[in-house]
């Protein structure tokens, strides 16, 4: 089944991205720690969390939003952790408003 998935467009994209996983994992582990370590981020930041994401996504994003001075959060009703990849018109409109702010 996995071989068939890898023959699809999204499957090929996923396969192309696999070599980046070790470096990204190392960076994620280095960044692990209290949300307060992100308090100096001055960029305006928007977190989009899919409502069907793993349970730890939302509380983690909420802690980051509290810690970061210019952060906000939107929970996308249907998708999981790939909310932006499956963005519907309301999400795209929200993102567009954020980017053009």
Protein backbone atom coordinates (compact mmCIF):
# COMPACT_ATOMS: atom_id res chain seq x y z
CA UNK A 1 0.00 0.00 0.00
CA UNK A 2 2.81 2.39 0.86
CA UNK A 3 4.41 1.82 -2.54
CA UNK A 4 1.13 2.80 -4.20
CA UNK A 5 0.89 5.95 -2.09
CA UNK A 6 4.44 6.92 -3.07
CA UNK A 7 3.37 6.81 -6.73
CA UNK A 8 0.87 9.63 -6.20
CA UNK A 9 1.78 13.31 -6.43
CA UNK A 10 1.56 13.89 -2.66
CA UNK A 11 3.41 10.62 -2.06
CA UNK A 12 6.27 11.69 -4.32
CA UNK A 13 6.43 15.04 -2.53
CA UNK A 14 6.59 13.23 0.81
CA UNK A 15 9.35 10.95 -0.46
CA UNK A 16 11.30 13.98 -1.73
CA UNK A 17 11.06 15.58 1.72
CA UNK A 18 12.15 12.50 3.69
CA UNK A 19 15.88 13.41 3.61
CA UNK A 20 15.07 16.59 5.58
CA UNK A 21 13.58 14.67 8.53
CA UNK A 22 16.81 13.99 10.51
CA UNK A 23 17.93 17.65 10.42
CA UNK A 24 14.43 18.92 11.25
CA UNK A 25 14.17 16.44 14.12
CA UNK A 26 17.50 17.62 15.55
CA UNK A 27 16.33 21.25 15.37
CA UNK A 28 13.02 20.40 17.01
CA UNK A 29 14.80 18.64 19.87
CA UNK A 30 17.13 21.63 20.32
CA UNK A 31 14.12 23.97 20.50
CA UNK A 32 12.29 21.81 23.03
CA UNK A 33 11.70 23.61 26.29
CA UNK A 34 9.41 26.11 27.97
CA UNK A 35 7.30 28.40 25.83
CA UNK A 36 8.91 31.37 27.57
CA UNK A 37 12.06 30.81 25.52
CA UNK A 38 10.11 32.22 22.55
CA UNK A 39 9.13 35.46 24.33
CA UNK A 40 11.74 37.45 22.39
CA UNK A 41 10.19 36.63 19.00
CA UNK A 42 9.06 40.02 17.75
CA UNK A 43 7.55 38.85 14.46
CA UNK A 44 3.80 38.85 14.15
CA UNK A 45 2.95 35.16 14.18
CA UNK A 46 -0.25 33.22 13.48
CA UNK A 47 -0.66 29.59 14.51
CA UNK A 48 -3.19 27.51 12.60
CA UNK A 49 -4.11 24.29 14.41
CA UNK A 50 -6.35 21.66 12.86
CA UNK A 51 -9.10 20.63 15.28
CA UNK A 52 -8.25 16.97 14.63
CA UNK A 53 -4.55 17.44 15.39
CA UNK A 54 -2.84 15.37 18.07
CA UNK A 55 -3.95 16.38 21.57
CA UNK A 56 -0.74 18.23 22.44
CA UNK A 57 -0.87 20.66 19.49
CA UNK A 58 -3.50 23.05 20.86
CA UNK A 59 -2.15 23.45 24.42
CA UNK A 60 1.36 23.88 23.01
CA UNK A 61 0.19 26.59 20.61
CA UNK A 62 -1.79 28.29 23.38
CA UNK A 63 1.35 28.45 25.55
CA UNK A 64 3.34 29.90 22.67
CA UNK A 65 0.67 32.52 21.97
CA UNK A 66 0.78 33.59 25.62
CA UNK A 67 4.57 33.76 25.57
CA UNK A 68 5.03 35.54 22.24
CA UNK A 69 4.05 39.22 22.24
CA UNK A 70 2.59 39.30 18.71
CA UNK A 71 1.15 35.82 18.29
CA UNK A 72 -2.38 34.65 17.64
CA UNK A 73 -4.08 31.33 17.11
CA UNK A 74 -6.82 29.97 14.90
CA UNK A 75 -8.28 26.50 15.27
CA UNK A 76 -9.32 25.14 11.88
CA UNK A 77 -12.50 23.07 12.36
CA UNK A 78 -12.00 19.95 10.22
CA UNK A 79 -8.40 19.05 9.36
CA UNK A 80 -5.68 17.53 11.48
CA UNK A 81 -2.08 18.70 11.75
CA UNK A 82 -2.05 19.44 8.02
CA UNK A 83 -4.62 22.23 8.34
CA UNK A 84 -2.86 24.59 5.96
CA UNK A 85 -2.24 21.88 3.38
CA UNK A 86 -5.99 21.25 3.32
CA UNK A 87 -7.00 24.86 3.77
CA UNK A 88 -10.54 25.70 2.74
CA UNK A 89 -11.70 29.17 1.70
CA UNK A 90 -12.30 30.48 5.25
CA UNK A 91 -8.76 29.46 6.26
CA UNK A 92 -7.24 30.94 3.10
CA UNK A 93 -9.19 34.16 3.68
CA UNK A 94 -8.03 34.29 7.31
CA UNK A 95 -4.42 33.71 6.27
CA UNK A 96 -4.70 36.37 3.56
CA UNK A 97 -6.05 38.89 6.10
CA UNK A 98 -3.20 38.02 8.44
CA UNK A 99 -0.55 38.42 5.73
CA UNK A 100 -1.93 41.69 4.40
CA UNK A 101 -2.83 42.87 7.89
